[in-house]
Amino acid sequence: MAAAGAQGLPTWERKARIILCVLGFVLSIYALHVELSRESNPDYRAMCDLGQYVSCSKVFTSRWGRGFGLVQIFVGQESPLNQPNSVLGIVFYTLQLGLGLSFSQRAAVFLVLASWVSVAGSLYLASILVFVLGDFCMVCVSTYAINFALLFTNLKRRRALNEMKEKAE
């Protein structure tokens, strides 16, 4: 059995959460930087723009790069509610890291639910990437992988907390 850390949780879970959230946060900050740079300078070329069909700035500045391409349908393209997906990523990874410090059942349930939402969003955006934009975005695909890994980590945490609760009863 894996070594147990704080309150009986596996030690790998905390380390994995920190690494995944920091990577997701950094990628989200980079995506926001690319989008804002491209909006202010259409000639801006990001490090992740490797070719015609491998371009993250093409993806970030597309309709689907803000509010998943859905928010603007309800509130308009210029609404302050129609934020870049990268801003949503920054909020998501910050919450995952912050709530990961709590060992409560409620926090664990919220972490799992938020992860399921992020995975659903990842699958939606991946399908847009492939079938609509016909592009490959290394930053996007990396965040999708991080979201799946966070879901796995959160499911393991919830299971461990449930087992600890059952043993205590």
N, C-alpha and C. Protein backbone atom coordinates (compact mmCIF):
# COMPACT_ATOMS: atom_id res chain seq x y z
N MET A 1 0.84 -1.17 0.00
CA MET A 1 0.00 0.00 0.00
C MET A 1 0.89 1.24 0.00
N ALA A 2 0.47 2.30 -0.64
CA ALA A 2 1.24 3.53 -0.72
C ALA A 2 1.38 4.16 0.66
N ALA A 3 2.49 4.88 0.83
CA ALA A 3 2.71 5.57 2.09
C ALA A 3 1.58 6.57 2.32
N ALA A 4 1.20 6.72 3.58
CA ALA A 4 0.09 7.61 3.89
C ALA A 4 0.63 8.94 4.39
N GLY A 5 0.03 10.00 3.96
CA GLY A 5 0.41 11.35 4.36
C GLY A 5 -0.59 11.90 5.35
N ALA A 6 -0.86 13.17 5.22
CA ALA A 6 -1.77 13.85 6.13
C ALA A 6 -3.12 13.14 6.16
N GLN A 7 -3.54 12.83 7.38
CA GLN A 7 -4.83 12.21 7.62
C GLN A 7 -5.04 10.91 6.85
N GLY A 8 -3.97 10.17 6.57
CA GLY A 8 -4.10 8.87 5.96
C GLY A 8 -4.21 8.86 4.44
N LEU A 9 -4.10 10.02 3.79
CA LEU A 9 -4.16 10.06 2.33
C LEU A 9 -2.80 9.67 1.75
N PRO A 10 -2.79 9.06 0.57
CA PRO A 10 -1.51 8.71 -0.05
C PRO A 10 -0.66 9.96 -0.30
N THR A 11 0.64 9.86 -0.03
CA THR A 11 1.52 11.02 -0.19
C THR A 11 1.64 11.43 -1.66
N TRP A 12 1.50 10.49 -2.59
CA TRP A 12 1.62 10.84 -4.00
C TRP A 12 0.50 11.78 -4.44
N GLU A 13 -0.65 11.69 -3.77
CA GLU A 13 -1.81 12.49 -4.17
C GLU A 13 -1.54 13.98 -4.02
N ARG A 14 -0.95 14.38 -2.91
CA ARG A 14 -0.64 15.79 -2.68
C ARG A 14 0.40 16.29 -3.68
N LYS A 15 1.44 15.51 -3.89
CA LYS A 15 2.49 15.91 -4.84
C LYS A 15 1.94 15.99 -6.26
N ALA A 16 1.14 15.02 -6.64
CA ALA A 16 0.56 15.02 -7.99
C ALA A 16 -0.34 16.23 -8.17
N ARG A 17 -1.16 16.54 -7.17
CA ARG A 17 -2.07 17.69 -7.25
C ARG A 17 -1.28 18.98 -7.44
N ILE A 18 -0.23 19.16 -6.65
CA ILE A 18 0.57 20.38 -6.75
C ILE A 18 1.19 20.50 -8.14
N ILE A 19 1.79 19.42 -8.62
CA ILE A 19 2.43 19.45 -9.95
C ILE A 19 1.40 19.72 -11.04
N LEU A 20 0.29 19.00 -11.01
CA LEU A 20 -0.74 19.17 -12.05
C LEU A 20 -1.34 20.57 -12.03
N CYS A 21 -1.64 21.07 -10.84
CA CYS A 21 -2.26 22.40 -10.75
C CYS A 21 -1.28 23.50 -11.17
N VAL A 22 -0.04 23.38 -10.78
CA VAL A 22 0.96 24.39 -11.17
C VAL A 22 1.15 24.35 -12.69
N LEU A 23 1.27 23.16 -13.26
CA LEU A 23 1.40 23.05 -14.72
C LEU A 23 0.18 23.63 -15.43
N GLY A 24 -1.02 23.28 -14.96
CA GLY A 24 -2.24 23.80 -15.56
C GLY A 24 -2.32 25.31 -15.44
N PHE A 25 -1.93 25.84 -14.28
CA PHE A 25 -1.95 27.28 -14.05
C PHE A 25 -0.97 27.99 -15.00
N VAL A 26 0.24 27.45 -15.11
CA VAL A 26 1.25 28.05 -15.99
C VAL A 26 0.80 28.00 -17.45
N LEU A 27 0.26 26.87 -17.89
CA LEU A 27 -0.24 26.77 -19.26
C LEU A 27 -1.39 27.74 -19.51
N SER A 28 -2.26 27.92 -18.52
CA SER A 28 -3.38 28.85 -18.67
C SER A 28 -2.88 30.29 -18.74
N ILE A 29 -1.88 30.64 -17.94
CA ILE A 29 -1.28 31.98 -18.00
C ILE A 29 -0.65 32.19 -19.37
N TYR A 30 0.07 31.18 -19.87
CA TYR A 30 0.69 31.29 -21.19
C TYR A 30 -0.38 31.46 -22.28
N ALA A 31 -1.44 30.70 -22.20
CA ALA A 31 -2.52 30.80 -23.19
C ALA A 31 -3.13 32.20 -23.17
N LEU A 32 -3.32 32.75 -21.99
CA LEU A 32 -3.86 34.11 -21.88
C LEU A 32 -2.89 35.12 -22.48
N HIS A 33 -1.61 34.93 -22.21
CA HIS A 33 -0.58 35.80 -22.78
C HIS A 33 -0.61 35.75 -24.31
N VAL A 34 -0.69 34.57 -24.87
CA VAL A 34 -0.72 34.41 -26.33
C VAL A 34 -1.96 35.09 -26.90
N GLU A 35 -3.11 34.85 -26.28
CA GLU A 35 -4.35 35.44 -26.80
C GLU A 35 -4.30 36.97 -26.75
N LEU A 36 -3.87 37.52 -25.62
CA LEU A 36 -3.81 38.98 -25.49
C LEU A 36 -2.75 39.58 -26.43
N SER A 37 -1.63 38.89 -26.59
CA SER A 37 -0.58 39.38 -27.49
C SER A 37 -1.05 39.36 -28.94
N ARG A 38 -1.77 38.31 -29.30
CA ARG A 38 -2.27 38.18 -30.66
C ARG A 38 -3.36 39.22 -30.95
N GLU A 39 -4.19 39.51 -29.95
CA GLU A 39 -5.24 40.52 -30.14
C GLU A 39 -4.64 41.91 -30.32
N SER A 40 -3.56 42.21 -29.60
CA SER A 40 -2.96 43.54 -29.72
C SER A 40 -2.01 43.65 -30.91
N ASN A 41 -1.49 42.51 -31.37
CA ASN A 41 -0.58 42.50 -32.51
C ASN A 41 -0.87 41.27 -33.38
N PRO A 42 -1.62 41.42 -34.46
CA PRO A 42 -1.99 40.28 -35.31
C PRO A 42 -0.79 39.54 -35.91
N ASP A 43 0.38 40.18 -35.92
CA ASP A 43 1.59 39.53 -36.45
C ASP A 43 2.34 38.74 -35.38
N TYR A 44 1.86 38.76 -34.15
CA TYR A 44 2.52 38.04 -33.05
C TYR A 44 2.55 36.55 -33.37
N ARG A 45 3.71 35.93 -33.16
CA ARG A 45 3.85 34.49 -33.39
C ARG A 45 4.29 33.84 -32.08
N ALA A 46 3.43 32.98 -31.57
CA ALA A 46 3.69 32.30 -30.30
C ALA A 46 4.66 31.14 -30.50
N MET A 47 5.32 30.74 -29.43
CA MET A 47 6.24 29.59 -29.49
C MET A 47 5.51 28.32 -29.90
N CYS A 48 4.23 28.25 -29.59
CA CYS A 48 3.46 27.03 -29.88
C CYS A 48 2.85 27.05 -31.28
N ASP A 49 3.12 28.09 -32.05
CA ASP A 49 2.66 28.15 -33.45
C ASP A 49 3.75 27.55 -34.34
N LEU A 50 3.58 26.28 -34.67
CA LEU A 50 4.62 25.57 -35.42
C LEU A 50 4.30 25.41 -36.90
N GLY A 51 3.08 25.67 -37.29
CA GLY A 51 2.70 25.51 -38.68
C GLY A 51 1.24 25.84 -38.89
N GLN A 52 0.80 25.65 -40.10
CA GLN A 52 -0.57 25.98 -40.46
C GLN A 52 -1.60 25.18 -39.64
N TYR A 53 -1.29 23.92 -39.37
CA TYR A 53 -2.24 23.07 -38.65
C TYR A 53 -1.80 22.76 -37.22
N VAL A 54 -0.75 23.43 -36.77
CA VAL A 54 -0.28 23.32 -35.39
C VAL A 54 -0.10 24.73 -34.87
N SER A 55 -1.21 25.30 -34.39
CA SER A 55 -1.19 26.70 -33.99
C SER A 55 -2.11 26.94 -32.81
N CYS A 56 -1.51 27.22 -31.66
CA CYS A 56 -2.35 27.49 -30.49
C CYS A 56 -2.98 28.87 -30.57
N SER A 57 -2.30 29.84 -31.16
CA SER A 57 -2.91 31.18 -31.22
C SER A 57 -4.14 31.18 -32.12
N LYS A 58 -4.15 30.33 -33.13
CA LYS A 58 -5.35 30.19 -33.97
C LYS A 58 -6.53 29.70 -33.14
N VAL A 59 -6.25 28.78 -32.24
CA VAL A 59 -7.29 28.20 -31.39
C VAL A 59 -7.74 29.21 -30.33
N PHE A 60 -6.77 29.84 -29.65
CA PHE A 60 -7.09 30.76 -28.57
C PHE A 60 -7.90 31.97 -29.05
N THR A 61 -7.65 32.40 -30.27
CA THR A 61 -8.36 33.58 -30.78
C THR A 61 -9.61 33.22 -31.59
N SER A 62 -9.93 31.95 -31.64
CA SER A 62 -11.14 31.53 -32.33
C SER A 62 -12.36 31.81 -31.46
N ARG A 63 -13.51 31.65 -32.03
CA ARG A 63 -14.78 31.82 -31.30
C ARG A 63 -14.82 30.93 -30.06
N TRP A 64 -14.24 29.74 -30.14
CA TRP A 64 -14.30 28.76 -29.05
C TRP A 64 -13.24 29.02 -27.99
N GLY A 65 -12.39 30.01 -28.19
CA GLY A 65 -11.37 30.35 -27.21
C GLY A 65 -11.89 31.19 -26.06
N ARG A 66 -13.13 31.62 -26.18
CA ARG A 66 -13.76 32.43 -25.12
C ARG A 66 -15.10 31.80 -24.75
N GLY A 67 -15.27 31.55 -23.46
CA GLY A 67 -16.55 31.01 -22.99
C GLY A 67 -16.96 29.74 -23.70
N PHE A 68 -15.98 28.96 -24.14
CA PHE A 68 -16.20 27.70 -24.85
C PHE A 68 -17.02 27.89 -26.13
N GLY A 69 -17.10 29.14 -26.60
CA GLY A 69 -17.89 29.42 -27.79
C GLY A 69 -19.38 29.41 -27.53
N LEU A 70 -19.76 29.24 -26.28
CA LEU A 70 -21.18 29.11 -25.91
C LEU A 70 -21.71 30.34 -25.18
N VAL A 71 -20.89 30.96 -24.36
CA VAL A 71 -21.34 32.08 -23.53
C VAL A 71 -21.83 33.23 -24.40
N GLN A 72 -21.12 33.49 -25.50
CA GLN A 72 -21.51 34.62 -26.37
C GLN A 72 -22.90 34.44 -26.98
N ILE A 73 -23.37 33.23 -27.08
CA ILE A 73 -24.72 32.98 -27.60
C ILE A 73 -25.76 33.61 -26.68
N PHE A 74 -25.49 33.58 -25.39
CA PHE A 74 -26.45 34.05 -24.40
C PHE A 74 -26.26 35.50 -23.97
N VAL A 75 -24.99 35.95 -23.92
CA VAL A 75 -24.73 37.30 -23.40
C VAL A 75 -24.04 38.22 -24.40
N GLY A 76 -23.67 37.72 -25.54
CA GLY A 76 -23.00 38.54 -26.55
C GLY A 76 -21.48 38.41 -26.48
N GLN A 77 -20.85 38.63 -27.60
CA GLN A 77 -19.41 38.44 -27.72
C GLN A 77 -18.62 39.42 -26.86
N GLU A 78 -19.11 40.64 -26.69
CA GLU A 78 -18.38 41.67 -25.95
C GLU A 78 -18.71 41.71 -24.45
N SER A 79 -19.55 40.81 -23.99
CA SER A 79 -19.93 40.79 -22.57
C SER A 79 -18.74 40.44 -21.68
N PRO A 80 -18.66 41.07 -20.50
CA PRO A 80 -17.60 40.72 -19.55
C PRO A 80 -17.71 39.27 -19.05
N LEU A 81 -18.85 38.66 -19.26
CA LEU A 81 -19.01 37.25 -18.88
C LEU A 81 -18.36 36.30 -19.89
N ASN A 82 -18.07 36.79 -21.08
CA ASN A 82 -17.46 35.97 -22.14
C ASN A 82 -15.94 36.05 -22.02
N GLN A 83 -15.41 35.39 -21.01
CA GLN A 83 -13.98 35.43 -20.72
C GLN A 83 -13.22 34.36 -21.51
N PRO A 84 -11.92 34.61 -21.73
CA PRO A 84 -11.10 33.58 -22.37
C PRO A 84 -11.13 32.28 -21.56
N ASN A 85 -11.08 31.16 -22.25
CA ASN A 85 -11.05 29.86 -21.57
C ASN A 85 -9.86 29.77 -20.61
N SER A 86 -8.77 30.45 -20.96
CA SER A 86 -7.59 30.42 -20.09
C SER A 86 -7.88 31.04 -18.73
N VAL A 87 -8.73 32.05 -18.66
CA VAL A 87 -9.11 32.65 -17.37
C VAL A 87 -9.88 31.61 -16.55
N LEU A 88 -10.76 30.87 -17.22
CA LEU A 88 -11.49 29.81 -16.53
C LEU A 88 -10.51 28.74 -16.03
N GLY A 89 -9.49 28.46 -16.81
CA GLY A 89 -8.46 27.51 -16.40
C GLY A 89 -7.70 27.99 -15.17
N ILE A 90 -7.35 29.27 -15.15
CA ILE A 90 -6.64 29.84 -14.00
C ILE A 90 -7.49 29.68 -12.74
N VAL A 91 -8.77 29.99 -12.84
CA VAL A 91 -9.69 29.85 -11.69
C VAL A 91 -9.79 28.37 -11.29
N PHE A 92 -9.96 27.49 -12.28
CA PHE A 92 -10.12 26.06 -12.01
C PHE A 92 -8.90 25.49 -11.29
N TYR A 93 -7.70 25.74 -11.80
CA TYR A 93 -6.49 25.17 -11.18
C TYR A 93 -6.22 25.77 -9.81
N THR A 94 -6.56 27.04 -9.63
CA THR A 94 -6.41 27.67 -8.31
C THR A 94 -7.35 27.02 -7.31
N LEU A 95 -8.61 26.79 -7.71
CA LEU A 95 -9.57 26.12 -6.82
C LEU A 95 -9.14 24.69 -6.51
N GLN A 96 -8.66 23.98 -7.53
CA GLN A 96 -8.21 22.61 -7.31
C GLN A 96 -7.06 22.56 -6.30
N LEU A 97 -6.15 23.49 -6.42
CA LEU A 97 -5.01 23.52 -5.50
C LEU A 97 -5.47 23.94 -4.10
N GLY A 98 -6.28 25.00 -4.03
CA GLY A 98 -6.75 25.48 -2.73
C GLY A 98 -7.63 24.49 -2.00
N LEU A 99 -8.62 23.94 -2.69
CA LEU A 99 -9.50 22.95 -2.05
C LEU A 99 -8.77 21.64 -1.77
N GLY A 100 -7.70 21.40 -2.50
CA GLY A 100 -6.90 20.21 -2.25
C GLY A 100 -6.22 20.24 -0.89
N LEU A 101 -6.15 21.43 -0.28
CA LEU A 101 -5.57 21.55 1.06
C LEU A 101 -6.54 21.09 2.14
N SER A 102 -7.82 21.03 1.79
CA SER A 102 -8.84 20.58 2.73
C SER A 102 -9.00 19.07 2.63
N PHE A 103 -9.22 18.46 3.79
CA PHE A 103 -9.40 17.01 3.80
C PHE A 103 -10.84 16.63 4.09
N SER A 104 -11.76 17.56 3.84
CA SER A 104 -13.17 17.28 4.13
C SER A 104 -13.81 16.50 3.00
N GLN A 105 -14.86 15.77 3.35
CA GLN A 105 -15.63 15.02 2.37
C GLN A 105 -16.27 15.97 1.35
N ARG A 106 -16.77 17.10 1.85
CA ARG A 106 -17.44 18.08 0.99
C ARG A 106 -16.47 18.63 -0.06
N ALA A 107 -15.27 18.97 0.37
CA ALA A 107 -14.26 19.46 -0.58
C ALA A 107 -13.92 18.38 -1.61
N ALA A 108 -13.81 17.14 -1.15
CA ALA A 108 -13.49 16.04 -2.07
C ALA A 108 -14.58 15.85 -3.11
N VAL A 109 -15.83 15.96 -2.70
CA VAL A 109 -16.95 15.84 -3.65
C VAL A 109 -16.90 16.99 -4.65
N PHE A 110 -16.67 18.21 -4.16
CA PHE A 110 -16.59 19.36 -5.07
C PHE A 110 -15.43 19.20 -6.05
N LEU A 111 -14.28 18.72 -5.58
CA LEU A 111 -13.13 18.51 -6.46
C LEU A 111 -13.46 17.52 -7.57
N VAL A 112 -14.14 16.45 -7.22
CA VAL A 112 -14.53 15.44 -8.22
C VAL A 112 -15.53 16.03 -9.22
N LEU A 113 -16.54 16.72 -8.71
CA LEU A 113 -17.54 17.32 -9.61
C LEU A 113 -16.90 18.34 -10.54
N ALA A 114 -16.04 19.19 -10.01
CA ALA A 114 -15.35 20.18 -10.84
C ALA A 114 -14.47 19.50 -11.88
N SER A 115 -13.86 18.39 -11.50
CA SER A 115 -13.02 17.65 -12.45
C SER A 115 -13.86 17.03 -13.57
N TRP A 116 -15.03 16.50 -13.22
CA TRP A 116 -15.90 15.94 -14.26
C TRP A 116 -16.32 17.03 -15.24
N VAL A 117 -16.62 18.23 -14.73
CA VAL A 117 -16.98 19.35 -15.61
C VAL A 117 -15.80 19.72 -16.51
N SER A 118 -14.58 19.74 -15.93
CA SER A 118 -13.40 20.09 -16.74
C SER A 118 -13.12 19.03 -17.81
N VAL A 119 -13.35 17.77 -17.48
CA VAL A 119 -13.15 16.70 -18.46
C VAL A 119 -14.20 16.79 -19.57
N ALA A 120 -15.44 17.08 -19.20
CA ALA A 120 -16.48 17.28 -20.23
C ALA A 120 -16.11 18.45 -21.13
N GLY A 121 -15.65 19.54 -20.53
CA GLY A 121 -15.20 20.69 -21.32
C GLY A 121 -14.02 20.34 -22.20
N SER A 122 -13.11 19.54 -21.69
CA SER A 122 -11.94 19.11 -22.47
C SER A 122 -12.37 18.28 -23.68
N LEU A 123 -13.30 17.36 -23.46
CA LEU A 123 -13.78 16.53 -24.57
C LEU A 123 -14.49 17.38 -25.62
N TYR A 124 -15.29 18.33 -25.17
CA TYR A 124 -15.98 19.25 -26.08
C TYR A 124 -14.97 20.06 -26.88
N LEU A 125 -14.01 20.67 -26.20
CA LEU A 125 -13.02 21.50 -26.90
C LEU A 125 -12.11 20.66 -27.80
N ALA A 126 -11.80 19.44 -27.39
CA ALA A 126 -10.99 18.56 -28.23
C ALA A 126 -11.73 18.23 -29.53
N SER A 127 -13.04 18.02 -29.43
CA SER A 127 -13.81 17.73 -30.65
C SER A 127 -13.85 18.97 -31.54
N ILE A 128 -13.96 20.16 -30.97
CA ILE A 128 -13.92 21.40 -31.75
C ILE A 128 -12.56 21.52 -32.42
N LEU A 129 -11.52 21.23 -31.67
CA LEU A 129 -10.15 21.31 -32.18
C LEU A 129 -9.97 20.42 -33.41
N VAL A 130 -10.43 19.21 -33.33
CA VAL A 130 -10.24 18.24 -34.41
C VAL A 130 -11.23 18.43 -35.56
N PHE A 131 -12.52 18.50 -35.23
CA PHE A 131 -13.53 18.45 -36.28
C PHE A 131 -13.94 19.81 -36.85
N VAL A 132 -13.75 20.88 -36.10
CA VAL A 132 -14.15 22.20 -36.59
C VAL A 132 -12.94 23.01 -37.04
N LEU A 133 -11.95 23.12 -36.15
CA LEU A 133 -10.78 23.95 -36.46
C LEU A 133 -9.72 23.20 -37.27
N GLY A 134 -9.72 21.88 -37.19
CA GLY A 134 -8.72 21.09 -37.91
C GLY A 134 -7.31 21.48 -37.53
N ASP A 135 -7.09 21.67 -36.24
CA ASP A 135 -5.82 22.18 -35.74
C ASP A 135 -5.31 21.27 -34.63
N PHE A 136 -4.04 21.41 -34.32
CA PHE A 136 -3.47 20.73 -33.16
C PHE A 136 -2.85 21.79 -32.27
N CYS A 137 -3.28 21.85 -31.03
CA CYS A 137 -2.80 22.84 -30.07
C CYS A 137 -2.13 22.09 -28.92
N MET A 138 -0.81 22.23 -28.85
CA MET A 138 -0.06 21.52 -27.81
C MET A 138 -0.48 21.96 -26.41
N VAL A 139 -0.72 23.24 -26.23
CA VAL A 139 -1.12 23.76 -24.93
C VAL A 139 -2.49 23.20 -24.55
N CYS A 140 -3.41 23.20 -25.50
CA CYS A 140 -4.75 22.67 -25.25
C CYS A 140 -4.71 21.20 -24.86
N VAL A 141 -4.03 20.40 -25.65
CA VAL A 141 -3.96 18.96 -25.41
C VAL A 141 -3.29 18.68 -24.06
N SER A 142 -2.29 19.49 -23.72
CA SER A 142 -1.63 19.32 -22.41
C SER A 142 -2.61 19.60 -21.27
N THR A 143 -3.43 20.64 -21.41
CA THR A 143 -4.40 20.92 -20.35
C THR A 143 -5.47 19.83 -20.28
N TYR A 144 -5.83 19.26 -21.42
CA TYR A 144 -6.80 18.15 -21.40
C TYR A 144 -6.22 16.98 -20.59
N ALA A 145 -4.95 16.66 -20.83
CA ALA A 145 -4.30 15.57 -20.11
C ALA A 145 -4.24 15.88 -18.61
N ILE A 146 -3.93 17.11 -18.26
CA ILE A 146 -3.88 17.52 -16.86
C ILE A 146 -5.27 17.36 -16.23
N ASN A 147 -6.31 17.75 -16.94
CA ASN A 147 -7.67 17.64 -16.41
C ASN A 147 -8.05 16.19 -16.14
N PHE A 148 -7.68 15.28 -17.06
CA PHE A 148 -7.96 13.86 -16.84
C PHE A 148 -7.17 13.34 -15.63
N ALA A 149 -5.91 13.76 -15.51
CA ALA A 149 -5.08 13.32 -14.39
C ALA A 149 -5.63 13.86 -13.07
N LEU A 150 -6.13 15.09 -13.07
CA LEU A 150 -6.74 15.64 -11.85
C LEU A 150 -8.01 14.88 -11.48
N LEU A 151 -8.78 14.48 -12.47
CA LEU A 151 -9.98 13.69 -12.19
C LEU A 151 -9.57 12.39 -11.50
N PHE A 152 -8.58 11.71 -12.04
CA PHE A 152 -8.09 10.46 -11.44
C PHE A 152 -7.63 10.71 -10.00
N THR A 153 -6.85 11.77 -9.79
CA THR A 153 -6.35 12.11 -8.47
C THR A 153 -7.49 12.40 -7.50
N ASN A 154 -8.48 13.14 -7.97
CA ASN A 154 -9.61 13.49 -7.10
C ASN A 154 -10.47 12.28 -6.77
N LEU A 155 -10.65 11.39 -7.74
CA LEU A 155 -11.40 10.15 -7.46
C LEU A 155 -10.67 9.30 -6.42
N LYS A 156 -9.36 9.22 -6.52
CA LYS A 156 -8.57 8.47 -5.53
C LYS A 156 -8.69 9.10 -4.15
N ARG A 157 -8.66 10.44 -4.10
CA ARG A 157 -8.80 11.13 -2.81
C ARG A 157 -10.16 10.84 -2.20
N ARG A 158 -11.21 10.96 -2.98
CA ARG A 158 -12.55 10.72 -2.45
C ARG A 158 -12.69 9.28 -1.94
N ARG A 159 -12.15 8.35 -2.69
CA ARG A 159 -12.20 6.94 -2.26
C ARG A 159 -11.44 6.76 -0.94
N ALA A 160 -10.25 7.34 -0.84
CA ALA A 160 -9.45 7.21 0.38
C ALA A 160 -10.18 7.82 1.58
N LEU A 161 -10.80 8.99 1.38
CA LEU A 161 -11.55 9.62 2.47
C LEU A 161 -12.76 8.78 2.87
N ASN A 162 -13.43 8.18 1.90
CA ASN A 162 -14.57 7.31 2.21
C ASN A 162 -14.13 6.09 2.99
N GLU A 163 -13.00 5.51 2.60
CA GLU A 163 -12.48 4.33 3.32
C GLU A 163 -12.09 4.70 4.76
N MET A 164 -11.48 5.88 4.93
CA MET A 164 -11.11 6.33 6.28
C MET A 164 -12.36 6.56 7.14
N LYS A 165 -13.41 7.08 6.52
CA LYS A 165 -14.65 7.33 7.24
C LYS A 165 -15.29 6.00 7.66
N GLU A 166 -15.27 5.01 6.76
CA GLU A 166 -15.85 3.69 7.07
C GLU A 166 -15.08 3.03 8.20
N LYS A 167 -13.76 3.14 8.22
CA LYS A 167 -12.95 2.53 9.27
C LYS A 167 -13.20 3.20 10.61
N ALA A 168 -13.49 4.50 10.58
CA ALA A 168 -13.72 5.25 11.82
C ALA A 168 -15.08 4.91 12.44
N GLU A 169 -16.00 4.42 11.65
CA GLU A 169 -17.35 4.13 12.16
C GLU A 169 -17.45 2.80 12.83
